[in-house]
Amino acid sequence: MIGSLRGTLVSKRPPWLTLDVGGVGYELEAPMSTFYRLPDTGRELMLVTHLVVREDAHALYGFFTEGERALFRSLLKISGIGPRIGLGVLSGMTVEGFYQCIRDKNIASLVKIPGVGKVTAELLVLKMKDRLPESIEPERAALPARSPAEGEASGALIALGYKPGEVMKMLKDLDGVKLTTEEMIREALRRVHRVAER
């Protein structure tokens, strides 16, 4: 099992990134919560990882924090929930936000996550309610975490059909502390329309 990797960030194109570790390039998939915290290419980086072995491929997933990986692993233990939904959850909301949705049985927020319909949301609430940590502390990361508003805006834009890479550009430089989720989405869509009109 590959538990973590430390190396030089070679490329990052959501959801893929490549990490050069001693001359070996490891290709990983990562959620947007991790992509938002990545340094520039050429910089050193350490990610915790999870390896999924299938008959046709070995897939390596990278996470910026232990909390992200722990939630990803918990989701994979649920029958019918695969890596794609796991990445979608972490791209659509924070770890703390997801656990709060499970506590509150907030189906309405869960169905906003890309790939999660009502049936899947109900399954998540049912299966995750007994797997919640006793306390949820916001994780401290080496780089500043993005705001909950930005995470929710990102998930909403992906649900509208925009690709993760496009969403990163749409939300770039928007202040998620001063702006609400709705204001961020509105401004991001304005940016797209301005570019299209040129």
N, C-alpha and C. Protein backbone atom coordinates (compact mmCIF):
# COMPACT_ATOMS: atom_id res chain seq x y z
N MET A 1 0.85 -1.20 0.00
CA MET A 1 0.00 0.00 0.00
C MET A 1 0.88 1.25 0.00
N ILE A 2 0.55 2.20 -0.86
CA ILE A 2 1.26 3.48 -0.90
C ILE A 2 0.49 4.45 -0.03
N GLY A 3 1.06 4.83 1.12
CA GLY A 3 0.35 5.66 2.08
C GLY A 3 0.51 7.15 1.87
N SER A 4 1.64 7.56 1.30
CA SER A 4 1.87 8.98 1.04
C SER A 4 2.99 9.12 0.01
N LEU A 5 3.05 10.27 -0.61
CA LEU A 5 4.10 10.57 -1.58
C LEU A 5 4.60 11.99 -1.35
N ARG A 6 5.91 12.13 -1.39
CA ARG A 6 6.51 13.47 -1.34
C ARG A 6 7.38 13.63 -2.57
N GLY A 7 7.15 14.69 -3.30
CA GLY A 7 7.95 14.90 -4.51
C GLY A 7 7.66 16.26 -5.11
N THR A 8 8.05 16.42 -6.37
CA THR A 8 7.87 17.68 -7.09
C THR A 8 6.61 17.63 -7.93
N LEU A 9 5.77 18.65 -7.80
CA LEU A 9 4.55 18.71 -8.60
C LEU A 9 4.91 19.05 -10.04
N VAL A 10 4.65 18.11 -10.94
CA VAL A 10 5.02 18.28 -12.35
C VAL A 10 3.89 18.89 -13.16
N SER A 11 2.68 18.42 -12.94
CA SER A 11 1.53 18.95 -13.68
C SER A 11 0.27 18.82 -12.86
N LYS A 12 -0.71 19.67 -13.17
CA LYS A 12 -2.01 19.61 -12.48
C LYS A 12 -3.11 20.05 -13.44
N ARG A 13 -3.90 19.07 -13.82
CA ARG A 13 -5.06 19.31 -14.67
C ARG A 13 -6.22 18.54 -14.09
N PRO A 14 -7.07 19.21 -13.31
CA PRO A 14 -8.14 18.51 -12.59
C PRO A 14 -8.89 17.51 -13.47
N PRO A 15 -9.13 16.29 -12.95
CA PRO A 15 -8.82 15.85 -11.59
C PRO A 15 -7.45 15.18 -11.46
N TRP A 16 -6.57 15.34 -12.47
CA TRP A 16 -5.29 14.63 -12.47
C TRP A 16 -4.14 15.54 -12.07
N LEU A 17 -3.16 14.94 -11.38
CA LEU A 17 -1.91 15.63 -11.12
C LEU A 17 -0.78 14.61 -11.18
N THR A 18 0.42 15.08 -11.48
CA THR A 18 1.58 14.19 -11.55
C THR A 18 2.64 14.66 -10.57
N LEU A 19 3.11 13.73 -9.78
CA LEU A 19 4.12 14.01 -8.76
C LEU A 19 5.39 13.23 -9.10
N ASP A 20 6.50 13.93 -9.25
CA ASP A 20 7.79 13.28 -9.53
C ASP A 20 8.45 12.93 -8.19
N VAL A 21 8.58 11.63 -7.95
CA VAL A 21 9.20 11.15 -6.71
C VAL A 21 10.46 10.38 -7.08
N GLY A 22 11.61 11.01 -6.91
CA GLY A 22 12.88 10.36 -7.23
C GLY A 22 12.99 9.91 -8.67
N GLY A 23 12.43 10.68 -9.58
CA GLY A 23 12.53 10.34 -11.00
C GLY A 23 11.39 9.49 -11.52
N VAL A 24 10.49 9.08 -10.64
CA VAL A 24 9.32 8.30 -11.05
C VAL A 24 8.09 9.20 -10.98
N GLY A 25 7.37 9.31 -12.09
CA GLY A 25 6.18 10.15 -12.14
C GLY A 25 4.94 9.39 -11.71
N TYR A 26 4.34 9.78 -10.60
CA TYR A 26 3.11 9.14 -10.13
C TYR A 26 1.91 10.00 -10.57
N GLU A 27 0.99 9.36 -11.26
CA GLU A 27 -0.23 10.06 -11.69
C GLU A 27 -1.33 9.77 -10.68
N LEU A 28 -1.92 10.83 -10.14
CA LEU A 28 -2.95 10.68 -9.11
C LEU A 28 -4.21 11.43 -9.51
N GLU A 29 -5.34 10.94 -9.02
CA GLU A 29 -6.59 11.69 -9.10
C GLU A 29 -6.81 12.34 -7.75
N ALA A 30 -7.34 13.55 -7.76
CA ALA A 30 -7.55 14.26 -6.50
C ALA A 30 -8.83 15.08 -6.58
N PRO A 31 -9.49 15.31 -5.42
CA PRO A 31 -10.69 16.14 -5.41
C PRO A 31 -10.32 17.61 -5.51
N MET A 32 -11.32 18.45 -5.80
CA MET A 32 -11.06 19.88 -5.92
C MET A 32 -10.61 20.49 -4.60
N SER A 33 -11.02 19.89 -3.48
CA SER A 33 -10.57 20.40 -2.18
C SER A 33 -9.05 20.35 -2.06
N THR A 34 -8.44 19.36 -2.70
CA THR A 34 -6.98 19.25 -2.73
C THR A 34 -6.39 20.19 -3.78
N PHE A 35 -7.02 20.25 -4.96
CA PHE A 35 -6.50 21.10 -6.03
C PHE A 35 -6.41 22.56 -5.62
N TYR A 36 -7.39 23.02 -4.84
CA TYR A 36 -7.37 24.42 -4.42
C TYR A 36 -6.15 24.75 -3.58
N ARG A 37 -5.53 23.75 -2.98
CA ARG A 37 -4.41 23.99 -2.07
C ARG A 37 -3.05 23.66 -2.68
N LEU A 38 -3.03 23.21 -3.92
CA LEU A 38 -1.76 22.82 -4.54
C LEU A 38 -0.87 24.04 -4.78
N PRO A 39 0.44 23.86 -4.62
CA PRO A 39 1.37 24.94 -4.96
C PRO A 39 1.55 25.01 -6.47
N ASP A 40 2.37 25.93 -6.93
CA ASP A 40 2.69 26.01 -8.36
C ASP A 40 3.50 24.79 -8.77
N THR A 41 3.44 24.44 -10.05
CA THR A 41 4.26 23.32 -10.54
C THR A 41 5.73 23.65 -10.31
N GLY A 42 6.51 22.60 -10.06
CA GLY A 42 7.92 22.79 -9.76
C GLY A 42 8.22 22.87 -8.28
N ARG A 43 7.17 23.00 -7.47
CA ARG A 43 7.34 23.07 -6.02
C ARG A 43 7.19 21.68 -5.40
N GLU A 44 7.79 21.51 -4.21
CA GLU A 44 7.69 20.23 -3.50
C GLU A 44 6.33 20.13 -2.82
N LEU A 45 5.84 18.90 -2.75
CA LEU A 45 4.50 18.66 -2.20
C LEU A 45 4.45 17.29 -1.57
N MET A 46 3.68 17.16 -0.49
CA MET A 46 3.41 15.83 0.07
C MET A 46 1.91 15.62 0.14
N LEU A 47 1.46 14.47 -0.35
CA LEU A 47 0.05 14.12 -0.29
C LEU A 47 -0.11 12.76 0.38
N VAL A 48 -1.18 12.59 1.15
CA VAL A 48 -1.52 11.25 1.63
C VAL A 48 -2.32 10.59 0.50
N THR A 49 -2.20 9.28 0.38
CA THR A 49 -2.78 8.62 -0.79
C THR A 49 -3.61 7.39 -0.42
N HIS A 50 -4.41 6.98 -1.39
CA HIS A 50 -5.18 5.74 -1.26
C HIS A 50 -5.12 5.01 -2.61
N LEU A 51 -4.75 3.75 -2.58
CA LEU A 51 -4.63 2.95 -3.80
C LEU A 51 -5.84 2.04 -3.95
N VAL A 52 -6.49 2.13 -5.10
CA VAL A 52 -7.62 1.25 -5.42
C VAL A 52 -7.16 0.28 -6.50
N VAL A 53 -7.23 -1.00 -6.19
CA VAL A 53 -6.79 -2.04 -7.13
C VAL A 53 -8.01 -2.69 -7.76
N ARG A 54 -8.09 -2.59 -9.09
CA ARG A 54 -9.17 -3.24 -9.83
C ARG A 54 -8.55 -4.24 -10.78
N GLU A 55 -9.39 -5.06 -11.41
CA GLU A 55 -8.87 -6.06 -12.35
C GLU A 55 -8.18 -5.40 -13.54
N ASP A 56 -8.73 -4.25 -13.96
CA ASP A 56 -8.20 -3.62 -15.19
C ASP A 56 -7.23 -2.47 -14.93
N ALA A 57 -7.08 -2.05 -13.66
CA ALA A 57 -6.20 -0.92 -13.40
C ALA A 57 -5.91 -0.74 -11.91
N HIS A 58 -4.82 -0.04 -11.63
CA HIS A 58 -4.50 0.40 -10.27
C HIS A 58 -4.66 1.91 -10.28
N ALA A 59 -5.55 2.44 -9.46
CA ALA A 59 -5.80 3.88 -9.43
C ALA A 59 -5.32 4.46 -8.10
N LEU A 60 -4.53 5.54 -8.19
CA LEU A 60 -3.98 6.16 -7.00
C LEU A 60 -4.66 7.52 -6.79
N TYR A 61 -5.16 7.74 -5.58
CA TYR A 61 -5.86 8.98 -5.26
C TYR A 61 -5.06 9.76 -4.22
N GLY A 62 -4.96 11.08 -4.41
CA GLY A 62 -4.16 11.91 -3.52
C GLY A 62 -5.01 12.92 -2.78
N PHE A 63 -4.63 13.20 -1.51
CA PHE A 63 -5.40 14.12 -0.67
C PHE A 63 -4.45 15.02 0.12
N PHE A 64 -4.88 16.24 0.32
CA PHE A 64 -4.05 17.20 1.04
C PHE A 64 -4.06 16.95 2.53
N THR A 65 -5.16 16.41 3.05
CA THR A 65 -5.26 16.19 4.49
C THR A 65 -5.68 14.76 4.82
N GLU A 66 -5.38 14.35 6.03
CA GLU A 66 -5.80 13.03 6.52
C GLU A 66 -7.32 12.93 6.58
N GLY A 67 -7.97 14.05 6.92
CA GLY A 67 -9.42 14.06 7.03
C GLY A 67 -10.10 13.76 5.72
N GLU A 68 -9.56 14.31 4.63
CA GLU A 68 -10.11 14.04 3.30
C GLU A 68 -9.99 12.55 2.97
N ARG A 69 -8.81 12.01 3.22
CA ARG A 69 -8.60 10.59 2.91
C ARG A 69 -9.49 9.70 3.77
N ALA A 70 -9.63 10.03 5.05
CA ALA A 70 -10.46 9.22 5.95
C ALA A 70 -11.90 9.19 5.47
N LEU A 71 -12.42 10.35 5.05
CA LEU A 71 -13.80 10.40 4.55
C LEU A 71 -13.92 9.60 3.25
N PHE A 72 -12.95 9.75 2.36
CA PHE A 72 -12.94 9.01 1.09
C PHE A 72 -12.99 7.50 1.35
N ARG A 73 -12.17 7.04 2.30
CA ARG A 73 -12.14 5.61 2.62
C ARG A 73 -13.46 5.14 3.23
N SER A 74 -14.06 5.97 4.07
CA SER A 74 -15.35 5.61 4.67
C SER A 74 -16.42 5.47 3.60
N LEU A 75 -16.39 6.37 2.63
CA LEU A 75 -17.38 6.32 1.54
C LEU A 75 -17.23 5.06 0.69
N LEU A 76 -15.98 4.66 0.45
CA LEU A 76 -15.73 3.48 -0.39
C LEU A 76 -16.23 2.19 0.26
N LYS A 77 -16.41 2.21 1.58
CA LYS A 77 -16.89 1.02 2.29
C LYS A 77 -18.39 0.80 2.11
N ILE A 78 -19.06 1.81 1.56
CA ILE A 78 -20.51 1.71 1.35
C ILE A 78 -20.77 1.07 -0.01
N SER A 79 -21.54 -0.01 -0.02
CA SER A 79 -21.87 -0.69 -1.26
C SER A 79 -22.59 0.26 -2.21
N GLY A 80 -22.11 0.35 -3.44
CA GLY A 80 -22.73 1.23 -4.43
C GLY A 80 -22.08 2.59 -4.52
N ILE A 81 -21.15 2.89 -3.60
CA ILE A 81 -20.42 4.17 -3.65
C ILE A 81 -18.99 3.91 -4.10
N GLY A 82 -18.61 4.51 -5.21
CA GLY A 82 -17.27 4.29 -5.75
C GLY A 82 -16.41 5.54 -5.65
N PRO A 83 -15.18 5.46 -6.16
CA PRO A 83 -14.26 6.60 -6.10
C PRO A 83 -14.80 7.87 -6.75
N ARG A 84 -15.58 7.71 -7.82
CA ARG A 84 -16.09 8.90 -8.52
C ARG A 84 -16.98 9.74 -7.59
N ILE A 85 -17.88 9.07 -6.87
CA ILE A 85 -18.74 9.80 -5.94
C ILE A 85 -17.93 10.33 -4.76
N GLY A 86 -16.93 9.54 -4.33
CA GLY A 86 -16.06 10.00 -3.24
C GLY A 86 -15.36 11.30 -3.60
N LEU A 87 -14.83 11.39 -4.82
CA LEU A 87 -14.18 12.62 -5.26
C LEU A 87 -15.21 13.74 -5.40
N GLY A 88 -16.41 13.38 -5.85
CA GLY A 88 -17.47 14.38 -6.00
C GLY A 88 -17.85 15.01 -4.67
N VAL A 89 -17.94 14.17 -3.63
CA VAL A 89 -18.28 14.67 -2.29
C VAL A 89 -17.23 15.68 -1.83
N LEU A 90 -15.95 15.32 -1.98
CA LEU A 90 -14.87 16.19 -1.52
C LEU A 90 -14.68 17.42 -2.41
N SER A 91 -15.19 17.35 -3.64
CA SER A 91 -15.12 18.50 -4.53
C SER A 91 -16.29 19.45 -4.30
N GLY A 92 -17.40 18.90 -3.76
CA GLY A 92 -18.61 19.69 -3.61
C GLY A 92 -18.77 20.37 -2.27
N MET A 93 -18.08 19.88 -1.23
CA MET A 93 -18.19 20.49 0.09
C MET A 93 -17.01 20.09 0.95
N THR A 94 -16.85 20.78 2.07
CA THR A 94 -15.76 20.46 2.98
C THR A 94 -16.08 19.16 3.73
N VAL A 95 -15.05 18.57 4.33
CA VAL A 95 -15.25 17.37 5.15
C VAL A 95 -16.22 17.70 6.29
N GLU A 96 -15.99 18.83 6.94
CA GLU A 96 -16.86 19.23 8.04
C GLU A 96 -18.30 19.44 7.58
N GLY A 97 -18.43 20.07 6.39
CA GLY A 97 -19.76 20.32 5.84
C GLY A 97 -20.51 19.04 5.53
N PHE A 98 -19.78 18.03 5.02
CA PHE A 98 -20.41 16.74 4.70
C PHE A 98 -20.91 16.06 5.97
N TYR A 99 -20.04 16.02 6.99
CA TYR A 99 -20.45 15.37 8.24
C TYR A 99 -21.66 16.08 8.85
N GLN A 100 -21.71 17.40 8.71
CA GLN A 100 -22.84 18.15 9.25
C GLN A 100 -24.13 17.80 8.49
N CYS A 101 -24.00 17.62 7.17
CA CYS A 101 -25.16 17.22 6.37
C CYS A 101 -25.69 15.85 6.81
N ILE A 102 -24.77 14.93 7.13
CA ILE A 102 -25.18 13.61 7.59
C ILE A 102 -25.88 13.73 8.94
N ARG A 103 -25.32 14.52 9.84
CA ARG A 103 -25.93 14.72 11.16
C ARG A 103 -27.34 15.30 11.04
N ASP A 104 -27.47 16.29 10.14
CA ASP A 104 -28.75 16.98 9.99
C ASP A 104 -29.71 16.27 9.03
N LYS A 105 -29.23 15.16 8.43
CA LYS A 105 -30.02 14.45 7.40
C LYS A 105 -30.44 15.43 6.30
N ASN A 106 -29.47 16.23 5.89
CA ASN A 106 -29.71 17.30 4.92
C ASN A 106 -29.60 16.75 3.49
N ILE A 107 -30.65 16.09 3.04
CA ILE A 107 -30.68 15.49 1.70
C ILE A 107 -30.56 16.57 0.62
N ALA A 108 -31.20 17.72 0.83
CA ALA A 108 -31.22 18.80 -0.16
C ALA A 108 -29.81 19.27 -0.52
N SER A 109 -28.92 19.36 0.48
CA SER A 109 -27.54 19.78 0.21
C SER A 109 -26.74 18.66 -0.45
N LEU A 110 -26.99 17.43 -0.04
CA LEU A 110 -26.24 16.30 -0.60
C LEU A 110 -26.53 16.09 -2.07
N VAL A 111 -27.77 16.31 -2.51
CA VAL A 111 -28.10 16.07 -3.92
C VAL A 111 -27.48 17.13 -4.84
N LYS A 112 -26.91 18.19 -4.25
CA LYS A 112 -26.21 19.20 -5.07
C LYS A 112 -24.81 18.73 -5.46
N ILE A 113 -24.34 17.66 -4.82
CA ILE A 113 -23.01 17.12 -5.14
C ILE A 113 -23.08 16.41 -6.48
N PRO A 114 -22.14 16.66 -7.39
CA PRO A 114 -22.14 15.99 -8.70
C PRO A 114 -22.20 14.47 -8.56
N GLY A 115 -23.14 13.84 -9.25
CA GLY A 115 -23.24 12.38 -9.24
C GLY A 115 -24.08 11.81 -8.11
N VAL A 116 -24.59 12.70 -7.24
CA VAL A 116 -25.40 12.24 -6.10
C VAL A 116 -26.86 12.62 -6.31
N GLY A 117 -27.70 11.60 -6.51
CA GLY A 117 -29.13 11.83 -6.63
C GLY A 117 -29.79 11.58 -5.28
N LYS A 118 -31.12 11.63 -5.25
CA LYS A 118 -31.83 11.49 -3.99
C LYS A 118 -31.60 10.13 -3.33
N VAL A 119 -31.63 9.05 -4.16
CA VAL A 119 -31.45 7.70 -3.61
C VAL A 119 -30.06 7.56 -2.99
N THR A 120 -29.03 8.06 -3.71
CA THR A 120 -27.66 7.98 -3.19
C THR A 120 -27.51 8.83 -1.93
N ALA A 121 -28.13 10.00 -1.92
CA ALA A 121 -28.05 10.88 -0.74
C ALA A 121 -28.67 10.19 0.47
N GLU A 122 -29.80 9.54 0.29
CA GLU A 122 -30.46 8.82 1.39
C GLU A 122 -29.59 7.66 1.87
N LEU A 123 -28.91 6.99 0.91
CA LEU A 123 -28.01 5.90 1.27
C LEU A 123 -26.84 6.42 2.11
N LEU A 124 -26.30 7.57 1.71
CA LEU A 124 -25.18 8.17 2.45
C LEU A 124 -25.58 8.50 3.88
N VAL A 125 -26.76 9.09 4.05
CA VAL A 125 -27.24 9.44 5.39
C VAL A 125 -27.42 8.18 6.23
N LEU A 126 -27.99 7.14 5.64
CA LEU A 126 -28.25 5.90 6.35
C LEU A 126 -26.96 5.20 6.78
N LYS A 127 -26.00 5.11 5.86
CA LYS A 127 -24.78 4.34 6.12
C LYS A 127 -23.70 5.12 6.87
N MET A 128 -23.72 6.45 6.74
CA MET A 128 -22.66 7.24 7.36
C MET A 128 -23.01 7.71 8.78
N LYS A 129 -24.27 7.62 9.17
CA LYS A 129 -24.67 8.17 10.47
C LYS A 129 -23.95 7.51 11.65
N ASP A 130 -23.56 6.23 11.50
CA ASP A 130 -22.85 5.53 12.57
C ASP A 130 -21.33 5.62 12.42
N ARG A 131 -20.87 6.32 11.39
CA ARG A 131 -19.42 6.43 11.14
C ARG A 131 -18.91 7.84 11.36
N LEU A 132 -19.72 8.68 11.95
CA LEU A 132 -19.30 10.06 12.18
C LEU A 132 -18.26 10.13 13.30
N PRO A 133 -17.23 10.96 13.14
CA PRO A 133 -16.27 11.13 14.23
C PRO A 133 -16.93 11.82 15.41
N GLU A 134 -16.40 11.56 16.60
CA GLU A 134 -16.99 12.15 17.81
C GLU A 134 -16.93 13.67 17.79
N SER A 135 -15.83 14.19 17.30
CA SER A 135 -15.72 15.65 17.17
C SER A 135 -15.10 15.96 15.82
N ILE A 136 -15.51 17.07 15.25
CA ILE A 136 -14.99 17.47 13.94
C ILE A 136 -14.26 18.79 14.09
N GLU A 137 -12.94 18.70 14.02
CA GLU A 137 -12.13 19.91 14.10
C GLU A 137 -11.73 20.34 12.70
N PRO A 138 -11.89 21.61 12.35
CA PRO A 138 -11.42 22.07 11.05
C PRO A 138 -9.93 21.79 10.92
N GLU A 139 -9.54 21.19 9.81
CA GLU A 139 -8.15 20.77 9.64
C GLU A 139 -7.25 21.94 9.28
N ARG A 140 -6.06 21.93 9.85
CA ARG A 140 -5.07 22.94 9.52
C ARG A 140 -4.20 22.39 8.39
N ALA A 141 -4.03 23.15 7.36
CA ALA A 141 -3.24 22.71 6.22
C ALA A 141 -2.04 23.62 6.04
N ALA A 142 -1.06 23.15 5.26
CA ALA A 142 0.16 23.92 5.01
C ALA A 142 -0.16 25.19 4.23
N LEU A 143 -1.19 25.13 3.39
CA LEU A 143 -1.63 26.29 2.64
C LEU A 143 -3.03 26.65 3.11
N PRO A 144 -3.43 27.92 3.06
CA PRO A 144 -4.73 28.31 3.58
C PRO A 144 -5.88 27.60 2.90
N ALA A 145 -6.84 27.14 3.67
CA ALA A 145 -8.01 26.45 3.12
C ALA A 145 -8.92 27.47 2.46
N ARG A 146 -9.63 27.05 1.43
CA ARG A 146 -10.60 27.92 0.80
C ARG A 146 -11.86 27.94 1.65
N SER A 147 -12.71 28.89 1.40
CA SER A 147 -13.90 29.06 2.22
C SER A 147 -14.98 28.03 1.90
N PRO A 148 -15.89 27.77 2.86
CA PRO A 148 -17.02 26.87 2.58
C PRO A 148 -17.85 27.37 1.41
N ALA A 149 -18.01 28.72 1.29
CA ALA A 149 -18.79 29.29 0.20
C ALA A 149 -18.18 28.92 -1.15
N GLU A 150 -16.85 28.93 -1.22
CA GLU A 150 -16.19 28.59 -2.49
C GLU A 150 -16.38 27.12 -2.82
N GLY A 151 -16.32 26.25 -1.80
CA GLY A 151 -16.54 24.83 -2.03
C GLY A 151 -17.94 24.55 -2.54
N GLU A 152 -18.93 25.24 -1.95
CA GLU A 152 -20.31 25.05 -2.38
C GLU A 152 -20.53 25.60 -3.78
N ALA A 153 -19.92 26.76 -4.08
CA ALA A 153 -20.03 27.34 -5.41
C ALA A 153 -19.40 26.44 -6.46
N SER A 154 -18.25 25.85 -6.11
CA SER A 154 -17.57 24.93 -7.02
C SER A 154 -18.46 23.73 -7.34
N GLY A 155 -19.05 23.13 -6.31
CA GLY A 155 -19.91 21.98 -6.51
C GLY A 155 -21.11 22.31 -7.38
N ALA A 156 -21.68 23.50 -7.16
CA ALA A 156 -22.85 23.93 -7.93
C ALA A 156 -22.50 24.12 -9.41
N LEU A 157 -21.34 24.73 -9.67
CA LEU A 157 -20.93 24.98 -11.06
C LEU A 157 -20.61 23.67 -11.78
N ILE A 158 -20.00 22.72 -11.06
CA ILE A 158 -19.73 21.41 -11.66
C ILE A 158 -21.05 20.71 -11.98
N ALA A 159 -22.02 20.85 -11.08
CA ALA A 159 -23.34 20.25 -11.30
C ALA A 159 -24.03 20.86 -12.51
N LEU A 160 -23.68 22.12 -12.83
CA LEU A 160 -24.26 22.77 -14.01
C LEU A 160 -23.60 22.30 -15.30
N GLY A 161 -22.53 21.50 -15.17
CA GLY A 161 -21.90 20.94 -16.36
C GLY A 161 -20.53 21.48 -16.68
N TYR A 162 -20.02 22.43 -15.89
CA TYR A 162 -18.69 22.96 -16.13
C TYR A 162 -17.64 21.97 -15.63
N LYS A 163 -16.51 21.90 -16.33
CA LYS A 163 -15.43 20.99 -15.94
C LYS A 163 -14.67 21.59 -14.75
N PRO A 164 -14.07 20.72 -13.90
CA PRO A 164 -13.34 21.22 -12.73
C PRO A 164 -12.30 22.28 -13.05
N GLY A 165 -11.56 22.10 -14.15
CA GLY A 165 -10.55 23.08 -14.54
C GLY A 165 -11.16 24.43 -14.87
N GLU A 166 -12.33 24.41 -15.53
CA GLU A 166 -13.03 25.65 -15.85
C GLU A 166 -13.51 26.34 -14.58
N VAL A 167 -14.01 25.55 -13.64
CA VAL A 167 -14.52 26.10 -12.39
C VAL A 167 -13.41 26.79 -11.61
N MET A 168 -12.21 26.19 -11.60
CA MET A 168 -11.08 26.81 -10.90
C MET A 168 -10.80 28.21 -11.44
N LYS A 169 -10.85 28.35 -12.79
CA LYS A 169 -10.60 29.65 -13.41
C LYS A 169 -11.74 30.62 -13.12
N MET A 170 -12.98 30.11 -13.14
CA MET A 170 -14.15 30.95 -12.91
C MET A 170 -14.15 31.56 -11.50
N LEU A 171 -13.64 30.78 -10.53
CA LEU A 171 -13.67 31.22 -9.13
C LEU A 171 -12.37 31.88 -8.67
N LYS A 172 -11.38 31.91 -9.56
CA LYS A 172 -10.07 32.45 -9.20
C LYS A 172 -10.19 33.90 -8.72
N ASP A 173 -9.54 34.18 -7.60
CA ASP A 173 -9.47 35.53 -7.01
C ASP A 173 -10.78 36.02 -6.39
N LEU A 174 -11.85 35.23 -6.43
CA LEU A 174 -13.08 35.66 -5.78
C LEU A 174 -12.95 35.45 -4.27
N ASP A 175 -13.37 36.41 -3.50
CA ASP A 175 -13.22 36.36 -2.04
C ASP A 175 -14.40 35.63 -1.42
N GLY A 176 -14.18 34.36 -1.06
CA GLY A 176 -15.23 33.54 -0.48
C GLY A 176 -15.58 33.90 0.94
N VAL A 177 -14.81 34.81 1.55
CA VAL A 177 -15.14 35.25 2.91
C VAL A 177 -16.18 36.38 2.84
N LYS A 178 -15.97 37.29 1.89
CA LYS A 178 -16.88 38.44 1.77
C LYS A 178 -18.12 38.11 0.95
N LEU A 179 -17.99 37.17 0.02
CA LEU A 179 -19.11 36.85 -0.87
C LEU A 179 -19.85 35.60 -0.38
N THR A 180 -21.16 35.57 -0.60
CA THR A 180 -21.94 34.38 -0.30
C THR A 180 -21.78 33.39 -1.44
N THR A 181 -22.26 32.17 -1.24
CA THR A 181 -22.20 31.16 -2.30
C THR A 181 -22.91 31.65 -3.56
N GLU A 182 -24.11 32.22 -3.39
CA GLU A 182 -24.88 32.71 -4.54
C GLU A 182 -24.15 33.82 -5.28
N GLU A 183 -23.53 34.73 -4.52
CA GLU A 183 -22.79 35.83 -5.15
C GLU A 183 -21.58 35.32 -5.93
N MET A 184 -20.92 34.31 -5.40
CA MET A 184 -19.76 33.73 -6.10
C MET A 184 -20.19 33.07 -7.40
N ILE A 185 -21.29 32.33 -7.35
CA ILE A 185 -21.79 31.67 -8.56
C ILE A 185 -22.18 32.70 -9.61
N ARG A 186 -22.89 33.75 -9.16
CA ARG A 186 -23.34 34.81 -10.08
C ARG A 186 -22.15 35.48 -10.75
N GLU A 187 -21.12 35.81 -9.96
CA GLU A 187 -19.94 36.48 -10.52
C GLU A 187 -19.17 35.55 -11.46
N ALA A 188 -19.07 34.27 -11.09
CA ALA A 188 -18.38 33.29 -11.94
C ALA A 188 -19.07 33.16 -13.29
N LEU A 189 -20.40 33.13 -13.28
CA LEU A 189 -21.16 33.01 -14.54
C LEU A 189 -21.05 34.29 -15.36
N ARG A 190 -20.97 35.44 -14.67
CA ARG A 190 -20.77 36.71 -15.39
C ARG A 190 -19.44 36.69 -16.14
N ARG A 191 -18.41 36.14 -15.48
CA ARG A 191 -17.08 36.07 -16.11
C ARG A 191 -17.14 35.24 -17.39
N VAL A 192 -17.85 34.12 -17.32
CA VAL A 192 -17.96 33.25 -18.49
C VAL A 192 -18.64 33.98 -19.64
N HIS A 193 -19.72 34.71 -19.33
CA HIS A 193 -20.47 35.43 -20.37
C HIS A 193 -19.66 36.56 -20.96
N ARG A 194 -18.85 37.22 -20.12
CA ARG A 194 -17.99 38.30 -20.62
C ARG A 194 -16.96 37.76 -21.61
N VAL A 195 -16.37 36.60 -21.29
CA VAL A 195 -15.39 35.98 -22.20
C VAL A 195 -16.05 35.56 -23.50
N ALA A 196 -17.28 35.00 -23.40
CA ALA A 196 -18.00 34.53 -24.59
C ALA A 196 -18.38 35.67 -25.52
N GLU A 197 -18.59 36.86 -24.94
CA GLU A 197 -19.01 38.00 -25.75
C GLU A 197 -17.87 38.67 -26.50
N ARG A 198 -16.63 38.36 -26.10
CA ARG A 198 -15.48 39.01 -26.75
C ARG A 198 -15.28 38.50 -28.17
